[in-house]
Amino acid sequence: MKKHIGALVAILALVGCQSTSEKQTENASTNSSKIMELMNQASLLNTLVGNVSSQLPVTTEQAAGGVTSLLSYAQNALPSSQSSELTSMLGGVNLSSLGQTASSSDQVSSSFSALGLDSSMIGQFLPIIIQVLQSQGASSSLLSGLGGLFS
């Protein structure tokens, strides 16, 4: 579990800092400490990263980056009731407050490319995310909303 937390912190810092400016590097460092605090509350993220990395031919870092990119997009794109449910399931973690904002499917695709993943992998990540959320008691409304984001 600590391996997943460390990998997620590292990938979120990298994804959140797409340029090399010092200010963004400082922001990434601040975000990393926030992420570490929140990760202890968000065991669902660890479960998602673990399931994706064990079921797909991706590294833990790629799984963490892909999962957070998809969930960030979902938090921004889903209707407020579904977004609130997702945020609640994540232990109150709002990824956009940590600088992990993906507000379009194009940004998710770009994140996947930056991780060395083809955007077609989005279609392989989503069913795993949906399966885990379903096992954790997500509503059918949230599950169908997630399924419709890339269809």
Foldseek 3Di string as FASTA:
>chain_A
DVVLLVLLLVLLLPLLQVDDDPVSNVLSVVLSVVSSVLCVQFVLLVVLLVQPVVPDVAHSNLSSQLVLLLLLCLLQPPPPVLNVLSCVNRRNDNSVVSSSHDPALVSSQVSNVVRVHHSVCNVVSQVSSLVSVVVVPRDPSNSVSSVPRVD
